[in-house]
Full PDB file with SEQRES, HELIX, SHEET, SSBOND, CRYST1, ORIGX, SCALE, CONECT and MASTER records, all heavy atoms in Angstrom:
SEQRES   1 A   36  ARG TYR ARG ARG LYS HIS GLU GLY GLU THR PRO ARG GLN          
SEQRES   2 A   36  ASN ARG TYR ASN LEU PRO LEU GLU ILE LEU TYR THR ILE          
SEQRES   3 A   36  VAL PRO VAL LEU ILE ILE SER VAL LEU PHE                      
HELIX    1 AA1 LEU A   18  LEU A   35  1                                  18    
CRYST1    1.000    1.000    1.000  90.00  90.00  90.00 P 1           1          
ORIGX1      1.000000  0.000000  0.000000        0.00000                         
ORIGX2      0.000000  1.000000  0.000000        0.00000                         
ORIGX3      0.000000  0.000000  1.000000        0.00000                         
SCALE1      1.000000  0.000000  0.000000        0.00000                         
SCALE2      0.000000  1.000000  0.000000        0.00000                         
SCALE3      0.000000  0.000000  1.000000        0.00000                         
ATOM      1  N   ARG A   1     103.854  81.710  90.014  1.00  0.00           N  
ATOM      2  CA  ARG A   1     104.106  83.162  90.069  1.00  0.00           C  
ATOM      3  C   ARG A   1     104.974  83.566  91.249  1.00  0.00           C  
ATOM      4  O   ARG A   1     105.841  84.436  91.129  1.00  0.00           O  
ATOM      5  CB  ARG A   1     102.748  83.887  90.144  1.00  0.00           C  
ATOM      6  CG  ARG A   1     102.845  85.395  90.318  1.00  0.00           C  
ATOM      7  CD  ARG A   1     103.456  86.063  89.101  1.00  0.00           C  
ATOM      8  NE  ARG A   1     103.502  87.503  89.256  1.00  0.00           N  
ATOM      9  CZ  ARG A   1     104.429  88.167  89.954  1.00  0.00           C  
ATOM     10  NH1 ARG A   1     105.409  87.489  90.565  1.00  0.00           N  
ATOM     11  NH2 ARG A   1     104.410  89.486  90.041  1.00  0.00           N  
ATOM     12  N   TYR A   2     104.771  82.907  92.385  1.00  0.00           N  
ATOM     13  CA  TYR A   2     105.475  83.335  93.590  1.00  0.00           C  
ATOM     14  C   TYR A   2     106.502  82.302  94.064  1.00  0.00           C  
ATOM     15  O   TYR A   2     106.818  82.235  95.238  1.00  0.00           O  
ATOM     16  CB  TYR A   2     104.459  83.621  94.709  1.00  0.00           C  
ATOM     17  CG  TYR A   2     103.524  84.744  94.368  1.00  0.00           C  
ATOM     18  CD1 TYR A   2     102.200  84.487  93.980  1.00  0.00           C  
ATOM     19  CD2 TYR A   2     103.950  86.068  94.384  1.00  0.00           C  
ATOM     20  CE1 TYR A   2     101.341  85.522  93.630  1.00  0.00           C  
ATOM     21  CE2 TYR A   2     103.099  87.106  94.041  1.00  0.00           C  
ATOM     22  CZ  TYR A   2     101.792  86.824  93.669  1.00  0.00           C  
ATOM     23  OH  TYR A   2     100.947  87.852  93.328  1.00  0.00           O  
ATOM     24  N   ARG A   3     107.030  81.536  93.128  1.00  0.00           N  
ATOM     25  CA  ARG A   3     108.063  80.581  93.507  1.00  0.00           C  
ATOM     26  C   ARG A   3     109.322  81.337  93.941  1.00  0.00           C  
ATOM     27  O   ARG A   3     109.604  82.432  93.441  1.00  0.00           O  
ATOM     28  CB  ARG A   3     108.372  79.637  92.346  1.00  0.00           C  
ATOM     29  CG  ARG A   3     109.027  80.297  91.155  1.00  0.00           C  
ATOM     30  CD  ARG A   3     109.054  79.351  89.962  1.00  0.00           C  
ATOM     31  NE  ARG A   3     109.791  79.892  88.839  1.00  0.00           N  
ATOM     32  CZ  ARG A   3     109.314  80.774  87.987  1.00  0.00           C  
ATOM     33  NH1 ARG A   3     108.079  81.239  88.129  1.00  0.00           N  
ATOM     34  NH2 ARG A   3     110.061  81.203  86.971  1.00  0.00           N  
ATOM     35  N   ARG A   4     110.074  80.745  94.822  1.00  0.00           N  
ATOM     36  CA  ARG A   4     111.286  81.382  95.317  1.00  0.00           C  
ATOM     37  C   ARG A   4     112.372  81.303  94.260  1.00  0.00           C  
ATOM     38  O   ARG A   4     112.694  80.227  93.753  1.00  0.00           O  
ATOM     39  CB  ARG A   4     111.745  80.694  96.604  1.00  0.00           C  
ATOM     40  CG  ARG A   4     112.921  81.405  97.267  1.00  0.00           C  
ATOM     41  CD  ARG A   4     113.193  80.831  98.635  1.00  0.00           C  
ATOM     42  NE  ARG A   4     113.511  79.395  98.543  1.00  0.00           N  
ATOM     43  CZ  ARG A   4     113.699  78.615  99.602  1.00  0.00           C  
ATOM     44  NH1 ARG A   4     113.561  79.116 100.813  1.00  0.00           N  
ATOM     45  NH2 ARG A   4     113.986  77.338  99.454  1.00  0.00           N  
ATOM     46  N   LYS A   5     112.976  82.449  93.942  1.00  0.00           N  
ATOM     47  CA  LYS A   5     113.983  82.503  92.884  1.00  0.00           C  
ATOM     48  C   LYS A   5     115.401  82.514  93.432  1.00  0.00           C  
ATOM     49  O   LYS A   5     116.332  82.063  92.783  1.00  0.00           O  
ATOM     50  CB  LYS A   5     113.764  83.748  92.019  1.00  0.00           C  
ATOM     51  CG  LYS A   5     112.437  83.736  91.284  1.00  0.00           C  
ATOM     52  CD  LYS A   5     112.276  84.994  90.442  1.00  0.00           C  
ATOM     53  CE  LYS A   5     110.939  84.990  89.697  1.00  0.00           C  
ATOM     54  NZ  LYS A   5     110.745  86.218  88.896  1.00  0.00           N  
ATOM     55  N   HIS A   6     115.571  83.065  94.625  1.00  0.00           N  
ATOM     56  CA  HIS A   6     116.915  83.175  95.179  1.00  0.00           C  
ATOM     57  C   HIS A   6     116.877  82.813  96.654  1.00  0.00           C  
ATOM     58  O   HIS A   6     115.922  83.117  97.363  1.00  0.00           O  
ATOM     59  CB  HIS A   6     117.461  84.602  95.026  1.00  0.00           C  
ATOM     60  CG  HIS A   6     117.476  85.075  93.607  1.00  0.00           C  
ATOM     61  ND1 HIS A   6     118.376  84.613  92.671  1.00  0.00           N  
ATOM     62  CD2 HIS A   6     116.684  85.954  92.958  1.00  0.00           C  
ATOM     63  CE1 HIS A   6     118.155  85.202  91.511  1.00  0.00           C  
ATOM     64  NE2 HIS A   6     117.124  86.024  91.657  1.00  0.00           N  
ATOM     65  N   GLU A   7     117.946  82.147  97.129  1.00  0.00           N  
ATOM     66  CA  GLU A   7     118.055  81.801  98.534  1.00  0.00           C  
ATOM     67  C   GLU A   7     118.099  83.067  99.369  1.00  0.00           C  
ATOM     68  O   GLU A   7     118.795  84.025  99.028  1.00  0.00           O  
ATOM     69  CB  GLU A   7     119.333  80.981  98.778  1.00  0.00           C  
ATOM     70  CG  GLU A   7     119.234  79.537  98.339  1.00  0.00           C  
ATOM     71  CD  GLU A   7     118.236  78.761  99.168  1.00  0.00           C  
ATOM     72  OE1 GLU A   7     118.030  79.131 100.341  1.00  0.00           O  
ATOM     73  OE2 GLU A   7     117.649  77.797  98.644  1.00  0.00           O  
ATOM     74  N   GLY A   8     117.378  83.053 100.475  1.00  0.00           N  
ATOM     75  CA  GLY A   8     117.416  84.192 101.377  1.00  0.00           C  
ATOM     76  C   GLY A   8     116.475  85.321 101.007  1.00  0.00           C  
ATOM     77  O   GLY A   8     116.292  86.259 101.796  1.00  0.00           O  
ATOM     78  N   GLU A   9     115.842  85.246  99.831  1.00  0.00           N  
ATOM     79  CA  GLU A   9     114.930  86.317  99.430  1.00  0.00           C  
ATOM     80  C   GLU A   9     113.565  86.096 100.082  1.00  0.00           C  
ATOM     81  O   GLU A   9     112.993  85.017 100.003  1.00  0.00           O  
ATOM     82  CB  GLU A   9     114.778  86.329  97.923  1.00  0.00           C  
ATOM     83  CG  GLU A   9     113.834  87.426  97.429  1.00  0.00           C  
ATOM     84  CD  GLU A   9     113.680  87.412  95.914  1.00  0.00           C  
ATOM     85  OE1 GLU A   9     114.513  86.780  95.252  1.00  0.00           O  
ATOM     86  OE2 GLU A   9     112.718  88.016  95.423  1.00  0.00           O  
ATOM     87  N   THR A  10     113.084  87.093 100.744  1.00  0.00           N  
ATOM     88  CA  THR A  10     111.788  87.019 101.415  1.00  0.00           C  
ATOM     89  C   THR A  10     110.774  87.856 100.660  1.00  0.00           C  
ATOM     90  O   THR A  10     111.025  89.040 100.391  1.00  0.00           O  
ATOM     91  CB  THR A  10     111.889  87.544 102.857  1.00  0.00           C  
ATOM     92  OG1 THR A  10     112.879  86.787 103.562  1.00  0.00           O  
ATOM     93  CG2 THR A  10     110.553  87.424 103.574  1.00  0.00           C  
ATOM     94  N   PRO A  11     109.626  87.264 100.293  1.00  0.00           N  
ATOM     95  CA  PRO A  11     108.624  88.052  99.575  1.00  0.00           C  
ATOM     96  C   PRO A  11     108.051  89.146 100.468  1.00  0.00           C  
ATOM     97  O   PRO A  11     108.109  89.063 101.698  1.00  0.00           O  
ATOM     98  CB  PRO A  11     107.552  87.021  99.230  1.00  0.00           C  
ATOM     99  CG  PRO A  11     107.734  85.934 100.211  1.00  0.00           C  
ATOM    100  CD  PRO A  11     109.183  85.880 100.521  1.00  0.00           C  
ATOM    101  N   ARG A  12     107.494  90.141  99.858  1.00  0.00           N  
ATOM    102  CA  ARG A  12     106.919  91.240 100.598  1.00  0.00           C  
ATOM    103  C   ARG A  12     105.762  90.728 101.452  1.00  0.00           C  
ATOM    104  O   ARG A  12     104.895  90.004 100.977  1.00  0.00           O  
ATOM    105  CB  ARG A  12     106.423  92.318  99.627  1.00  0.00           C  
ATOM    106  CG  ARG A  12     105.965  93.592 100.338  1.00  0.00           C  
ATOM    107  CD  ARG A  12     105.568  94.636  99.327  1.00  0.00           C  
ATOM    108  NE  ARG A  12     104.370  94.225  98.605  1.00  0.00           N  
ATOM    109  CZ  ARG A  12     103.772  94.992  97.690  1.00  0.00           C  
ATOM    110  NH1 ARG A  12     104.288  96.166  97.367  1.00  0.00           N  
ATOM    111  NH2 ARG A  12     102.688  94.558  97.093  1.00  0.00           N  
ATOM    112  N   GLN A  13     105.760  91.135 102.706  1.00  0.00           N  
ATOM    113  CA  GLN A  13     104.743  90.680 103.635  1.00  0.00           C  
ATOM    114  C   GLN A  13     103.616  91.721 103.733  1.00  0.00           C  
ATOM    115  O   GLN A  13     103.879  92.898 103.972  1.00  0.00           O  
ATOM    116  CB  GLN A  13     105.353  90.457 105.024  1.00  0.00           C  
ATOM    117  CG  GLN A  13     106.514  89.465 105.025  1.00  0.00           C  
ATOM    118  CD  GLN A  13     106.079  88.076 104.603  1.00  0.00           C  
ATOM    119  OE1 GLN A  13     105.177  87.516 105.204  1.00  0.00           O  
ATOM    120  NE2 GLN A  13     106.720  87.530 103.587  1.00  0.00           N  
ATOM    121  N   ASN A  14     102.363  91.287 103.520  1.00  0.00           N  
ATOM    122  CA  ASN A  14     101.206  92.164 103.654  1.00  0.00           C  
ATOM    123  C   ASN A  14     100.399  91.753 104.883  1.00  0.00           C  
ATOM    124  O   ASN A  14     100.209  90.565 105.140  1.00  0.00           O  
ATOM    125  CB  ASN A  14     100.308  92.079 102.415  1.00  0.00           C  
ATOM    126  CG  ASN A  14     100.991  92.661 101.196  1.00  0.00           C  
ATOM    127  OD1 ASN A  14     101.780  93.601 101.293  1.00  0.00           O  
ATOM    128  ND2 ASN A  14     100.703  92.071 100.039  1.00  0.00           N  
ATOM    129  N   ARG A  15      99.908  92.728 105.589  1.00  0.00           N  
ATOM    130  CA  ARG A  15      99.102  92.424 106.760  1.00  0.00           C  
ATOM    131  C   ARG A  15      97.736  91.884 106.342  1.00  0.00           C  
ATOM    132  O   ARG A  15      97.188  91.001 106.967  1.00  0.00           O  
ATOM    133  CB  ARG A  15      98.939  93.687 107.610  1.00  0.00           C  
ATOM    134  CG  ARG A  15      98.235  93.426 108.927  1.00  0.00           C  
ATOM    135  CD  ARG A  15      98.213  94.677 109.772  1.00  0.00           C  
ATOM    136  NE  ARG A  15      97.533  94.447 111.041  1.00  0.00           N  
ATOM    137  CZ  ARG A  15      97.352  95.400 111.957  1.00  0.00           C  
ATOM    138  NH1 ARG A  15      97.803  96.631 111.744  1.00  0.00           N  
ATOM    139  NH2 ARG A  15      96.726  95.121 113.079  1.00  0.00           N  
ATOM    140  N   TYR A  16      97.207  92.412 105.280  1.00  0.00           N  
ATOM    141  CA  TYR A  16      95.951  91.926 104.746  1.00  0.00           C  
ATOM    142  C   TYR A  16      95.826  92.371 103.303  1.00  0.00           C  
ATOM    143  O   TYR A  16      96.550  93.257 102.837  1.00  0.00           O  
ATOM    144  CB  TYR A  16      94.754  92.428 105.557  1.00  0.00           C  
ATOM    145  CG  TYR A  16      94.638  93.939 105.612  1.00  0.00           C  
ATOM    146  CD1 TYR A  16      93.999  94.651 104.604  1.00  0.00           C  
ATOM    147  CD2 TYR A  16      95.192  94.654 106.680  1.00  0.00           C  
ATOM    148  CE1 TYR A  16      93.899  96.037 104.640  1.00  0.00           C  
ATOM    149  CE2 TYR A  16      95.102  96.043 106.729  1.00  0.00           C  
ATOM    150  CZ  TYR A  16      94.456  96.722 105.721  1.00  0.00           C  
ATOM    151  OH  TYR A  16      94.374  98.092 105.761  1.00  0.00           O  
ATOM    152  N   ASN A  17      94.890  91.711 102.600  1.00  0.00           N  
ATOM    153  CA  ASN A  17      94.614  92.073 101.211  1.00  0.00           C  
ATOM    154  C   ASN A  17      93.100  92.190 101.093  1.00  0.00           C  
ATOM    155  O   ASN A  17      92.389  91.190 100.963  1.00  0.00           O  
ATOM    156  CB  ASN A  17      95.159  90.994 100.262  1.00  0.00           C  
ATOM    157  CG  ASN A  17      95.029  91.398  98.805  1.00  0.00           C  
ATOM    158  OD1 ASN A  17      94.002  91.918  98.384  1.00  0.00           O  
ATOM    159  ND2 ASN A  17      96.078  91.135  98.034  1.00  0.00           N  
ATOM    160  N   LEU A  18      92.594  93.402 101.171  1.00  0.00           N  
ATOM    161  CA  LEU A  18      91.149  93.627 101.236  1.00  0.00           C  
ATOM    162  C   LEU A  18      90.402  93.060 100.029  1.00  0.00           C  
ATOM    163  O   LEU A  18      89.390  92.371 100.193  1.00  0.00           O  
ATOM    164  CB  LEU A  18      90.859  95.119 101.402  1.00  0.00           C  
ATOM    165  CG  LEU A  18      89.381  95.481 101.611  1.00  0.00           C  
ATOM    166  CD1 LEU A  18      88.832  94.775 102.833  1.00  0.00           C  
ATOM    167  CD2 LEU A  18      89.220  96.985 101.730  1.00  0.00           C  
ATOM    168  N   PRO A  19      90.849  93.296  98.792  1.00  0.00           N  
ATOM    169  CA  PRO A  19      90.117  92.721  97.638  1.00  0.00           C  
ATOM    170  C   PRO A  19      90.033  91.195  97.698  1.00  0.00           C  
ATOM    171  O   PRO A  19      88.997  90.610  97.384  1.00  0.00           O  
ATOM    172  CB  PRO A  19      90.931  93.191  96.428  1.00  0.00           C  
ATOM    173  CG  PRO A  19      91.619  94.420  96.898  1.00  0.00           C  
ATOM    174  CD  PRO A  19      91.948  94.169  98.340  1.00  0.00           C  
ATOM    175  N   LEU A  20      91.148  90.565  98.113  1.00  0.00           N  
ATOM    176  CA  LEU A  20      91.156  89.105  98.197  1.00  0.00           C  
ATOM    177  C   LEU A  20      90.198  88.617  99.279  1.00  0.00           C  
ATOM    178  O   LEU A  20      89.464  87.633  99.087  1.00  0.00           O  
ATOM    179  CB  LEU A  20      92.572  88.605  98.481  1.00  0.00           C  
ATOM    180  CG  LEU A  20      92.761  87.081  98.493  1.00  0.00           C  
ATOM    181  CD1 LEU A  20      92.396  86.499  97.136  1.00  0.00           C  
ATOM    182  CD2 LEU A  20      94.193  86.732  98.863  1.00  0.00           C  
ATOM    183  N   GLU A  21      90.170  89.297 100.413  1.00  0.00           N  
ATOM    184  CA  GLU A  21      89.273  88.901 101.490  1.00  0.00           C  
ATOM    185  C   GLU A  21      87.808  89.066 101.082  1.00  0.00           C  
ATOM    186  O   GLU A  21      86.961  88.228 101.414  1.00  0.00           O  
ATOM    187  CB  GLU A  21      89.568  89.725 102.743  1.00  0.00           C  
ATOM    188  CG  GLU A  21      90.913  89.387 103.361  1.00  0.00           C  
ATOM    189  CD  GLU A  21      91.173  90.173 104.639  1.00  0.00           C  
ATOM    190  OE1 GLU A  21      90.256  90.892 105.084  1.00  0.00           O  
ATOM    191  OE2 GLU A  21      92.276  90.060 105.177  1.00  0.00           O  
ATOM    192  N   ILE A  22      87.510  90.131 100.365  1.00  0.00           N  
ATOM    193  CA  ILE A  22      86.144  90.327  99.863  1.00  0.00           C  
ATOM    194  C   ILE A  22      85.781  89.210  98.881  1.00  0.00           C  
ATOM    195  O   ILE A  22      84.675  88.662  98.912  1.00  0.00           O  
ATOM    196  CB  ILE A  22      86.004  91.712  99.197  1.00  0.00           C  
ATOM    197  CG1 ILE A  22      86.137  92.817 100.254  1.00  0.00           C  
ATOM    198  CG2 ILE A  22      84.657  91.820  98.473  1.00  0.00           C  
ATOM    199  CD1 ILE A  22      86.150  94.211  99.671  1.00  0.00           C  
ATOM    200  N   LEU A  23      86.739  88.865  98.016  1.00  0.00           N  
ATOM    201  CA  LEU A  23      86.507  87.823  97.018  1.00  0.00           C  
ATOM    202  C   LEU A  23      86.190  86.487  97.675  1.00  0.00           C  
ATOM    203  O   LEU A  23      85.190  85.846  97.330  1.00  0.00           O  
ATOM    204  CB  LEU A  23      87.732  87.688  96.105  1.00  0.00           C  
ATOM    205  CG  LEU A  23      87.643  86.581  95.042  1.00  0.00           C  
ATOM    206  CD1 LEU A  23      86.586  86.944  94.006  1.00  0.00           C  
ATOM    207  CD2 LEU A  23      89.000  86.372  94.370  1.00  0.00           C  
ATOM    208  N   TYR A  24      87.031  86.060  98.639  1.00  0.00           N  
ATOM    209  CA  TYR A  24      86.799  84.734  99.206  1.00  0.00           C  
ATOM    210  C   TYR A  24      85.687  84.726 100.253  1.00  0.00           C  
ATOM    211  O   TYR A  24      85.402  83.694 100.851  1.00  0.00           O  
ATOM    212  CB  TYR A  24      88.078  84.078  99.724  1.00  0.00           C  
ATOM    213  CG  TYR A  24      88.785  84.691 100.905  1.00  0.00           C  
ATOM    214  CD1 TYR A  24      88.167  84.869 102.137  1.00  0.00           C  
ATOM    215  CD2 TYR A  24      90.137  85.043 100.803  1.00  0.00           C  
ATOM    216  CE1 TYR A  24      88.832  85.386 103.227  1.00  0.00           C  
ATOM    217  CE2 TYR A  24      90.808  85.587 101.892  1.00  0.00           C  
ATOM    218  CZ  TYR A  24      90.156  85.739 103.110  1.00  0.00           C  
ATOM    219  OH  TYR A  24      90.845  86.254 104.180  1.00  0.00           O  
ATOM    220  N   THR A  25      85.058  85.850 100.485  1.00  0.00           N  
ATOM    221  CA  THR A  25      83.847  85.885 101.307  1.00  0.00           C  
ATOM    222  C   THR A  25      82.597  85.879 100.433  1.00  0.00           C  
ATOM    223  O   THR A  25      81.643  85.134 100.690  1.00  0.00           O  
ATOM    224  CB  THR A  25      83.835  87.145 102.200  1.00  0.00           C  
ATOM    225  OG1 THR A  25      84.973  87.120 103.057  1.00  0.00           O  
ATOM    226  CG2 THR A  25      82.560  87.190 103.039  1.00  0.00           C  
ATOM    227  N   ILE A  26      82.611  86.691  99.375  1.00  0.00           N  
ATOM    228  CA  ILE A  26      81.427  86.819  98.521  1.00  0.00           C  
ATOM    229  C   ILE A  26      81.204  85.583  97.660  1.00  0.00           C  
ATOM    230  O   ILE A  26      80.071  85.096  97.532  1.00  0.00           O  
ATOM    231  CB  ILE A  26      81.548  88.077  97.637  1.00  0.00           C  
ATOM    232  CG1 ILE A  26      81.437  89.337  98.508  1.00  0.00           C  
ATOM    233  CG2 ILE A  26      80.462  88.090  96.573  1.00  0.00           C  
ATOM    234  CD1 ILE A  26      81.592  90.621  97.735  1.00  0.00           C  
ATOM    235  N   VAL A  27      82.273  85.055  97.064  1.00  0.00           N  
ATOM    236  CA  VAL A  27      82.132  83.931  96.133  1.00  0.00           C  
ATOM    237  C   VAL A  27      81.499  82.706  96.800  1.00  0.00           C  
ATOM    238  O   VAL A  27      80.533  82.139  96.270  1.00  0.00           O  
ATOM    239  CB  VAL A  27      83.481  83.579  95.486  1.00  0.00           C  
ATOM    240  CG1 VAL A  27      83.385  82.259  94.712  1.00  0.00           C  
ATOM    241  CG2 VAL A  27      83.938  84.697  94.558  1.00  0.00           C  
ATOM    242  N   PRO A  28      81.976  82.248  97.994  1.00  0.00           N  
ATOM    243  CA  PRO A  28      81.304  81.100  98.630  1.00  0.00           C  
ATOM    244  C   PRO A  28      79.838  81.368  98.969  1.00  0.00           C  
ATOM    245  O   PRO A  28      78.993  80.474  98.854  1.00  0.00           O  
ATOM    246  CB  PRO A  28      82.128  80.868  99.905  1.00  0.00           C  
ATOM    247  CG  PRO A  28      83.471  81.431  99.598  1.00  0.00           C  
ATOM    248  CD  PRO A  28      83.205  82.629  98.729  1.00  0.00           C  
ATOM    249  N   VAL A  29      79.532  82.607  99.381  1.00  0.00           N  
ATOM    250  CA  VAL A  29      78.150  82.942  99.695  1.00  0.00           C  
ATOM    251  C   VAL A  29      77.278  82.828  98.442  1.00  0.00           C  
ATOM    252  O   VAL A  29      76.157  82.305  98.491  1.00  0.00           O  
ATOM    253  CB  VAL A  29      78.051  84.355 100.303  1.00  0.00           C  
ATOM    254  CG1 VAL A  29      76.588  84.799 100.401  1.00  0.00           C  
ATOM    255  CG2 VAL A  29      78.685  84.385 101.677  1.00  0.00           C  
ATOM    256  N   LEU A  30      77.781  83.312  97.306  1.00  0.00           N  
ATOM    257  CA  LEU A  30      77.032  83.213  96.055  1.00  0.00           C  
ATOM    258  C   LEU A  30      76.824  81.751  95.650  1.00  0.00           C  
ATOM    259  O   LEU A  30      75.727  81.355  95.231  1.00  0.00           O  
ATOM    260  CB  LEU A  30      77.773  83.972  94.949  1.00  0.00           C  
ATOM    261  CG  LEU A  30      77.778  85.498  95.056  1.00  0.00           C  
ATOM    262  CD1 LEU A  30      78.657  86.095  93.961  1.00  0.00           C  
ATOM    263  CD2 LEU A  30      76.366  86.059  94.958  1.00  0.00           C  
ATOM    264  N   ILE A  31      77.875  80.950  95.788  1.00  0.00           N  
ATOM    265  CA  ILE A  31      77.786  79.537  95.414  1.00  0.00           C  
ATOM    266  C   ILE A  31      76.734  78.830  96.266  1.00  0.00           C  
ATOM    267  O   ILE A  31      75.856  78.118  95.757  1.00  0.00           O  
ATOM    268  CB  ILE A  31      79.160  78.849  95.563  1.00  0.00           C  
ATOM    269  CG1 ILE A  31      80.150  79.416  94.541  1.00  0.00           C  
ATOM    270  CG2 ILE A  31      79.025  77.334  95.397  1.00  0.00           C  
ATOM    271  CD1 ILE A  31      81.579  78.986  94.779  1.00  0.00           C  
ATOM    272  N   ILE A  32      76.805  79.031  97.572  1.00  0.00           N  
ATOM    273  CA  ILE A  32      75.867  78.379  98.485  1.00  0.00           C  
ATOM    274  C   ILE A  32      74.442  78.864  98.227  1.00  0.00           C  
ATOM    275  O   ILE A  32      73.483  78.082  98.266  1.00  0.00           O  
ATOM    276  CB  ILE A  32      76.280  78.643  99.947  1.00  0.00           C  
ATOM    277  CG1 ILE A  32      77.599  77.931 100.256  1.00  0.00           C  
ATOM    278  CG2 ILE A  32      75.186  78.176 100.905  1.00  0.00           C  
ATOM    279  CD1 ILE A  32      78.197  78.290 101.591  1.00  0.00           C  
ATOM    280  N   SER A  33      74.283  80.148  97.938  1.00  0.00           N  
ATOM    281  CA  SER A  33      72.950  80.697  97.691  1.00  0.00           C  
ATOM    282  C   SER A  33      72.318  80.073  96.455  1.00  0.00           C  
ATOM    283  O   SER A  33      71.125  79.716  96.460  1.00  0.00           O  
ATOM    284  CB  SER A  33      73.025  82.219  97.522  1.00  0.00           C  
ATOM    285  OG  SER A  33      73.506  82.839  98.699  1.00  0.00           O  
ATOM    286  N   VAL A  34      73.107  79.934  95.390  1.00  0.00           N  
ATOM    287  CA  VAL A  34      72.591  79.332  94.149  1.00  0.00           C  
ATOM    288  C   VAL A  34      72.216  77.869  94.381  1.00  0.00           C  
ATOM    289  O   VAL A  34      71.138  77.407  93.973  1.00  0.00           O  
ATOM    290  CB  VAL A  34      73.629  79.461  93.016  1.00  0.00           C  
ATOM    291  CG1 VAL A  34      73.179  78.660  91.798  1.00  0.00           C  
ATOM    292  CG2 VAL A  34      73.818  80.924  92.636  1.00  0.00           C  
ATOM    293  N   LEU A  35      73.103  77.113  95.053  1.00  0.00           N  
ATOM    294  CA  LEU A  35      72.808  75.708  95.332  1.00  0.00           C  
ATOM    295  C   LEU A  35      71.585  75.575  96.230  1.00  0.00           C  
ATOM    296  O   LEU A  35      70.757  74.668  96.048  1.00  0.00           O  
ATOM    297  CB  LEU A  35      74.024  75.040  95.980  1.00  0.00           C  
ATOM    298  CG  LEU A  35      75.242  74.830  95.075  1.00  0.00           C  
ATOM    299  CD1 LEU A  35      76.405  74.260  95.871  1.00  0.00           C  
ATOM    300  CD2 LEU A  35      74.915  73.918  93.903  1.00  0.00           C  
ATOM    301  N   PHE A  36      71.450  76.476  97.190  1.00  0.00           N  
ATOM    302  CA  PHE A  36      70.297  76.447  98.091  1.00  0.00           C  
ATOM    303  C   PHE A  36      69.002  76.693  97.316  1.00  0.00           C  
ATOM    304  O   PHE A  36      67.995  76.013  97.530  1.00  0.00           O  
ATOM    305  CB  PHE A  36      70.465  77.501  99.188  1.00  0.00           C  
ATOM    306  CG  PHE A  36      69.302  77.589 100.131  1.00  0.00           C  
ATOM    307  CD1 PHE A  36      69.125  76.650 101.132  1.00  0.00           C  
ATOM    308  CD2 PHE A  36      68.379  78.615 100.019  1.00  0.00           C  
ATOM    309  CE1 PHE A  36      68.052  76.725 102.002  1.00  0.00           C  
ATOM    310  CE2 PHE A  36      67.296  78.702 100.875  1.00  0.00           C  
ATOM    311  CZ  PHE A  36      67.137  77.753 101.881  1.00  0.00           C  
TER     312      PHE A  36                                                      
MASTER        0    0    0    1    0    0    0    6  311    1    0    3          
END                                                                             
């Protein structure tokens, strides 16, 4: 999806992505809780 298509083109830079950060925090906690 995010492969470079043109030389010199820089993808949009985000300081953070709140939904993604929530996702990769909650999912590991759920996995560990179930295994525990």
